[in-house]
Amino acid sequence: MSFTDAVKSCFSQYAGFNGRARRSEYWFWYLFSAIVGSVVSIIAKNTSDLVSLVPLVILVPSLAVEFRRLHDTGRSGAFVLLNFIPLIGQIILIIFCVQDSQPGENKYGPNPKGM
């Protein structure tokens, strides 16, 4: 999946917490989020309203793609709550999200790779 396909997929499934997401979709979305956040913060130095609006706009699709990525590895989306455990929780989630997809279909749907 290309960068633009991943961004389109995340916006088209804005609040889609069901299904599975490939690693490329997940990581390209976070790259897009970082780029947009950086550009907006540089451009809008004196406009704090715009800078605080960007995280609100990308919050729901970020959570949705993280849920779908966890589903792709065979885990419940509830593991997102590990984000509330400082440092250790984020490290565990990174490890989960770096792992390869479960082959074939799992209880969250068919493999997005088509295997």
N, C-alpha and C. Protein backbone atom coordinates (compact mmCIF):
# COMPACT_ATOMS: atom_id res chain seq x y z
N MET A 1 0.85 -1.17 0.00
CA MET A 1 0.00 0.00 0.00
C MET A 1 0.90 1.23 0.00
N SER A 2 0.58 2.17 -0.87
CA SER A 2 1.38 3.38 -0.98
C SER A 2 0.96 4.39 0.09
N PHE A 3 1.76 5.43 0.22
CA PHE A 3 1.49 6.49 1.19
C PHE A 3 0.12 7.11 0.95
N THR A 4 -0.16 7.49 -0.30
CA THR A 4 -1.45 8.13 -0.59
C THR A 4 -2.62 7.17 -0.40
N ASP A 5 -2.44 5.91 -0.76
CA ASP A 5 -3.50 4.91 -0.54
C ASP A 5 -3.80 4.75 0.94
N ALA A 6 -2.76 4.76 1.76
CA ALA A 6 -2.94 4.60 3.21
C ALA A 6 -3.70 5.79 3.79
N VAL A 7 -3.35 6.99 3.37
CA VAL A 7 -4.03 8.19 3.88
C VAL A 7 -5.48 8.19 3.43
N LYS A 8 -5.72 7.86 2.17
CA LYS A 8 -7.10 7.78 1.66
C LYS A 8 -7.89 6.72 2.42
N SER A 9 -7.27 5.58 2.68
CA SER A 9 -7.95 4.50 3.39
C SER A 9 -8.33 4.93 4.80
N CYS A 10 -7.44 5.61 5.48
CA CYS A 10 -7.74 6.04 6.85
C CYS A 10 -8.83 7.09 6.88
N PHE A 11 -8.83 8.00 5.90
CA PHE A 11 -9.90 9.00 5.87
C PHE A 11 -11.23 8.39 5.41
N SER A 12 -11.17 7.41 4.51
CA SER A 12 -12.42 6.79 4.07
C SER A 12 -13.02 5.91 5.16
N GLN A 13 -12.19 5.41 6.05
CA GLN A 13 -12.66 4.62 7.20
C GLN A 13 -12.48 5.46 8.47
N TYR A 14 -12.86 6.72 8.40
CA TYR A 14 -12.59 7.70 9.45
C TYR A 14 -12.86 7.16 10.86
N ALA A 15 -14.00 6.55 11.05
CA ALA A 15 -14.36 6.00 12.37
C ALA A 15 -14.62 4.50 12.25
N GLY A 16 -13.92 3.85 11.34
CA GLY A 16 -14.09 2.41 11.13
C GLY A 16 -13.17 1.61 12.04
N PHE A 17 -13.74 1.12 13.13
CA PHE A 17 -12.94 0.37 14.10
C PHE A 17 -12.98 -1.13 13.85
N ASN A 18 -13.71 -1.56 12.84
CA ASN A 18 -13.81 -2.99 12.52
C ASN A 18 -12.90 -3.32 11.35
N GLY A 19 -12.48 -4.55 11.28
CA GLY A 19 -11.64 -4.99 10.19
C GLY A 19 -10.16 -4.99 10.57
N ARG A 20 -9.33 -5.04 9.54
CA ARG A 20 -7.89 -5.16 9.74
C ARG A 20 -7.16 -4.13 8.91
N ALA A 21 -5.98 -3.71 9.38
CA ALA A 21 -5.15 -2.74 8.65
C ALA A 21 -3.74 -3.29 8.52
N ARG A 22 -3.20 -3.18 7.33
CA ARG A 22 -1.82 -3.62 7.09
C ARG A 22 -0.84 -2.71 7.81
N ARG A 23 0.36 -3.22 7.99
CA ARG A 23 1.41 -2.41 8.62
C ARG A 23 1.66 -1.13 7.85
N SER A 24 1.70 -1.23 6.53
CA SER A 24 1.98 -0.03 5.73
C SER A 24 0.91 1.03 5.93
N GLU A 25 -0.35 0.62 6.00
CA GLU A 25 -1.42 1.59 6.23
C GLU A 25 -1.21 2.28 7.57
N TYR A 26 -0.92 1.52 8.59
CA TYR A 26 -0.74 2.07 9.94
C TYR A 26 0.44 3.04 10.00
N TRP A 27 1.60 2.63 9.50
CA TRP A 27 2.79 3.46 9.63
C TRP A 27 2.75 4.66 8.69
N PHE A 28 2.19 4.49 7.50
CA PHE A 28 2.06 5.64 6.61
C PHE A 28 1.09 6.67 7.21
N TRP A 29 0.04 6.22 7.90
CA TRP A 29 -0.88 7.15 8.53
C TRP A 29 -0.16 7.97 9.60
N TYR A 30 0.67 7.29 10.40
CA TYR A 30 1.38 8.02 11.44
C TYR A 30 2.44 8.95 10.87
N LEU A 31 3.04 8.60 9.75
CA LEU A 31 3.97 9.50 9.08
C LEU A 31 3.21 10.73 8.58
N PHE A 32 2.05 10.51 7.96
CA PHE A 32 1.20 11.62 7.50
C PHE A 32 0.82 12.52 8.67
N SER A 33 0.42 11.94 9.79
CA SER A 33 0.01 12.71 10.97
C SER A 33 1.17 13.57 11.48
N ALA A 34 2.37 13.00 11.52
CA ALA A 34 3.54 13.74 11.99
C ALA A 34 3.88 14.90 11.04
N ILE A 35 3.80 14.63 9.75
CA ILE A 35 4.11 15.68 8.77
C ILE A 35 3.10 16.81 8.87
N VAL A 36 1.81 16.46 8.90
CA VAL A 36 0.77 17.49 8.98
C VAL A 36 0.90 18.28 10.27
N GLY A 37 1.11 17.60 11.37
CA GLY A 37 1.27 18.30 12.65
C GLY A 37 2.45 19.24 12.65
N SER A 38 3.56 18.81 12.08
CA SER A 38 4.75 19.65 12.02
C SER A 38 4.55 20.86 11.13
N VAL A 39 3.99 20.63 9.96
CA VAL A 39 3.77 21.73 9.02
C VAL A 39 2.81 22.76 9.60
N VAL A 40 1.73 22.29 10.20
CA VAL A 40 0.75 23.22 10.77
C VAL A 40 1.36 23.99 11.93
N SER A 41 2.16 23.34 12.76
CA SER A 41 2.76 24.06 13.89
C SER A 41 3.78 25.08 13.42
N ILE A 42 4.46 24.83 12.32
CA ILE A 42 5.43 25.79 11.78
C ILE A 42 4.70 26.97 11.14
N ILE A 43 3.67 26.68 10.36
CA ILE A 43 2.93 27.73 9.65
C ILE A 43 2.13 28.59 10.61
N ALA A 44 1.50 27.97 11.58
CA ALA A 44 0.57 28.69 12.46
C ALA A 44 1.18 28.94 13.83
N LYS A 45 2.37 29.48 13.88
CA LYS A 45 3.03 29.74 15.16
C LYS A 45 2.18 30.60 16.09
N ASN A 46 1.56 31.62 15.55
CA ASN A 46 0.81 32.56 16.37
C ASN A 46 -0.67 32.24 16.48
N THR A 47 -1.11 31.16 15.84
CA THR A 47 -2.52 30.80 15.85
C THR A 47 -2.69 29.48 16.57
N SER A 48 -2.80 29.53 17.87
CA SER A 48 -2.87 28.30 18.66
C SER A 48 -4.14 27.51 18.39
N ASP A 49 -5.21 28.17 17.92
CA ASP A 49 -6.46 27.46 17.63
C ASP A 49 -6.26 26.43 16.52
N LEU A 50 -5.56 26.81 15.46
CA LEU A 50 -5.31 25.91 14.35
C LEU A 50 -4.42 24.75 14.78
N VAL A 51 -3.40 25.04 15.57
CA VAL A 51 -2.48 24.00 16.03
C VAL A 51 -3.20 23.00 16.92
N SER A 52 -4.13 23.46 17.73
CA SER A 52 -4.85 22.54 18.61
C SER A 52 -5.98 21.82 17.89
N LEU A 53 -6.38 22.30 16.72
CA LEU A 53 -7.44 21.66 15.96
C LEU A 53 -6.95 20.41 15.22
N VAL A 54 -5.71 20.41 14.76
CA VAL A 54 -5.17 19.29 13.99
C VAL A 54 -5.22 17.97 14.76
N PRO A 55 -4.75 17.92 16.01
CA PRO A 55 -4.85 16.64 16.73
C PRO A 55 -6.29 16.17 16.91
N LEU A 56 -7.21 17.09 17.05
CA LEU A 56 -8.61 16.70 17.18
C LEU A 56 -9.15 16.08 15.90
N VAL A 57 -8.72 16.61 14.76
CA VAL A 57 -9.17 16.09 13.47
C VAL A 57 -8.61 14.69 13.20
N ILE A 58 -7.37 14.45 13.59
CA ILE A 58 -6.75 13.16 13.28
C ILE A 58 -6.87 12.15 14.42
N LEU A 59 -7.47 12.52 15.54
CA LEU A 59 -7.59 11.61 16.68
C LEU A 59 -8.41 10.36 16.34
N VAL A 60 -9.60 10.55 15.81
CA VAL A 60 -10.48 9.40 15.56
C VAL A 60 -9.90 8.46 14.50
N PRO A 61 -9.43 8.96 13.34
CA PRO A 61 -8.84 8.01 12.40
C PRO A 61 -7.56 7.35 12.92
N SER A 62 -6.83 8.04 13.79
CA SER A 62 -5.63 7.43 14.38
C SER A 62 -6.00 6.27 15.30
N LEU A 63 -7.02 6.49 16.11
CA LEU A 63 -7.49 5.40 16.98
C LEU A 63 -8.05 4.25 16.15
N ALA A 64 -8.80 4.59 15.11
CA ALA A 64 -9.41 3.55 14.27
C ALA A 64 -8.35 2.70 13.58
N VAL A 65 -7.33 3.33 13.01
CA VAL A 65 -6.30 2.55 12.32
C VAL A 65 -5.48 1.73 13.32
N GLU A 66 -5.31 2.24 14.55
CA GLU A 66 -4.59 1.46 15.55
C GLU A 66 -5.42 0.25 15.98
N PHE A 67 -6.73 0.42 16.12
CA PHE A 67 -7.60 -0.71 16.42
C PHE A 67 -7.49 -1.77 15.31
N ARG A 68 -7.60 -1.31 14.06
CA ARG A 68 -7.56 -2.26 12.94
C ARG A 68 -6.19 -2.93 12.83
N ARG A 69 -5.12 -2.20 13.17
CA ARG A 69 -3.78 -2.81 13.13
C ARG A 69 -3.67 -3.89 14.19
N LEU A 70 -4.18 -3.63 15.38
CA LEU A 70 -4.17 -4.65 16.43
C LEU A 70 -5.01 -5.84 16.02
N HIS A 71 -6.15 -5.60 15.38
CA HIS A 71 -6.97 -6.70 14.88
C HIS A 71 -6.20 -7.54 13.88
N ASP A 72 -5.38 -6.90 13.06
CA ASP A 72 -4.62 -7.62 12.05
C ASP A 72 -3.61 -8.58 12.68
N THR A 73 -3.15 -8.25 13.88
CA THR A 73 -2.20 -9.13 14.57
C THR A 73 -2.93 -10.13 15.47
N GLY A 74 -4.27 -10.11 15.44
CA GLY A 74 -5.05 -11.06 16.22
C GLY A 74 -5.36 -10.60 17.63
N ARG A 75 -5.17 -9.32 17.91
CA ARG A 75 -5.40 -8.79 19.25
C ARG A 75 -6.63 -7.89 19.26
N SER A 76 -7.20 -7.75 20.42
CA SER A 76 -8.34 -6.87 20.60
C SER A 76 -7.90 -5.41 20.51
N GLY A 77 -8.78 -4.57 20.02
CA GLY A 77 -8.50 -3.14 19.97
C GLY A 77 -8.37 -2.53 21.35
N ALA A 78 -8.83 -3.24 22.37
CA ALA A 78 -8.74 -2.74 23.74
C ALA A 78 -7.29 -2.56 24.20
N PHE A 79 -6.37 -3.18 23.48
CA PHE A 79 -4.95 -3.00 23.83
C PHE A 79 -4.51 -1.54 23.63
N VAL A 80 -5.31 -0.74 22.94
CA VAL A 80 -5.02 0.68 22.78
C VAL A 80 -4.91 1.35 24.15
N LEU A 81 -5.59 0.81 25.12
CA LEU A 81 -5.54 1.37 26.48
C LEU A 81 -4.15 1.30 27.08
N LEU A 82 -3.26 0.50 26.50
CA LEU A 82 -1.87 0.46 26.97
C LEU A 82 -1.19 1.82 26.80
N ASN A 83 -1.73 2.67 25.95
CA ASN A 83 -1.19 4.02 25.78
C ASN A 83 -1.19 4.81 27.08
N PHE A 84 -2.05 4.42 28.01
CA PHE A 84 -2.13 5.14 29.29
C PHE A 84 -1.07 4.71 30.29
N ILE A 85 -0.30 3.68 29.96
CA ILE A 85 0.82 3.26 30.80
C ILE A 85 2.07 3.94 30.24
N PRO A 86 2.63 4.88 30.96
CA PRO A 86 3.78 5.63 30.43
C PRO A 86 4.93 4.72 30.01
N LEU A 87 5.49 5.00 28.87
CA LEU A 87 6.65 4.37 28.26
C LEU A 87 6.46 2.87 27.98
N ILE A 88 6.22 2.06 29.00
CA ILE A 88 6.09 0.61 28.81
C ILE A 88 4.92 0.29 27.89
N GLY A 89 3.80 0.97 28.10
CA GLY A 89 2.62 0.73 27.27
C GLY A 89 2.87 1.05 25.81
N GLN A 90 3.53 2.17 25.55
CA GLN A 90 3.82 2.55 24.17
C GLN A 90 4.81 1.57 23.53
N ILE A 91 5.79 1.10 24.29
CA ILE A 91 6.75 0.13 23.76
C ILE A 91 6.04 -1.16 23.39
N ILE A 92 5.15 -1.62 24.24
CA ILE A 92 4.40 -2.86 23.95
C ILE A 92 3.55 -2.67 22.70
N LEU A 93 2.88 -1.53 22.57
CA LEU A 93 2.05 -1.29 21.39
C LEU A 93 2.89 -1.22 20.11
N ILE A 94 4.05 -0.62 20.19
CA ILE A 94 4.94 -0.58 19.02
C ILE A 94 5.32 -1.99 18.61
N ILE A 95 5.65 -2.82 19.59
CA ILE A 95 6.00 -4.22 19.29
C ILE A 95 4.83 -4.93 18.63
N PHE A 96 3.62 -4.73 19.15
CA PHE A 96 2.43 -5.35 18.57
C PHE A 96 2.21 -4.87 17.13
N CYS A 97 2.37 -3.58 16.91
CA CYS A 97 2.06 -3.01 15.60
C CYS A 97 3.13 -3.29 14.55
N VAL A 98 4.33 -3.65 14.98
CA VAL A 98 5.40 -3.99 14.05
C VAL A 98 5.26 -5.44 13.57
N GLN A 99 4.57 -6.26 14.33
CA GLN A 99 4.44 -7.67 13.97
C GLN A 99 3.67 -7.85 12.68
N ASP A 100 3.95 -8.97 12.02
CA ASP A 100 3.28 -9.29 10.76
C ASP A 100 1.82 -9.67 11.00
N SER A 101 1.04 -9.61 9.95
CA SER A 101 -0.37 -9.99 10.01
C SER A 101 -0.52 -11.46 10.36
N GLN A 102 -1.65 -11.77 10.98
CA GLN A 102 -2.00 -13.18 11.14
C GLN A 102 -2.36 -13.71 9.76
N PRO A 103 -1.81 -14.84 9.37
CA PRO A 103 -2.13 -15.36 8.04
C PRO A 103 -3.60 -15.80 7.96
N GLY A 104 -4.16 -15.64 6.79
CA GLY A 104 -5.54 -16.05 6.58
C GLY A 104 -6.53 -15.16 7.30
N GLU A 105 -7.72 -15.66 7.45
CA GLU A 105 -8.78 -14.91 8.11
C GLU A 105 -8.71 -15.13 9.62
N ASN A 106 -8.97 -14.08 10.39
CA ASN A 106 -9.11 -14.24 11.84
C ASN A 106 -10.49 -13.72 12.23
N LYS A 107 -10.77 -13.64 13.51
CA LYS A 107 -12.12 -13.25 13.94
C LYS A 107 -12.46 -11.80 13.61
N TYR A 108 -11.48 -11.02 13.15
CA TYR A 108 -11.72 -9.61 12.81
C TYR A 108 -11.92 -9.40 11.32
N GLY A 109 -11.74 -10.44 10.52
CA GLY A 109 -11.97 -10.32 9.09
C GLY A 109 -10.88 -10.96 8.27
N PRO A 110 -11.00 -10.83 6.95
CA PRO A 110 -10.00 -11.42 6.06
C PRO A 110 -8.68 -10.65 6.11
N ASN A 111 -7.63 -11.34 5.75
CA ASN A 111 -6.30 -10.73 5.73
C ASN A 111 -6.27 -9.65 4.66
N PRO A 112 -5.87 -8.42 5.00
CA PRO A 112 -5.84 -7.34 4.00
C PRO A 112 -4.79 -7.56 2.91
N LYS A 113 -3.84 -8.45 3.16
CA LYS A 113 -2.85 -8.76 2.14
C LYS A 113 -3.41 -9.69 1.08
N GLY A 114 -4.56 -10.29 1.37
CA GLY A 114 -5.19 -11.21 0.42
C GLY A 114 -4.62 -12.61 0.50
N MET A 115 -3.94 -12.93 1.59
CA MET A 115 -3.33 -14.26 1.73
C MET A 115 -4.21 -15.16 2.58
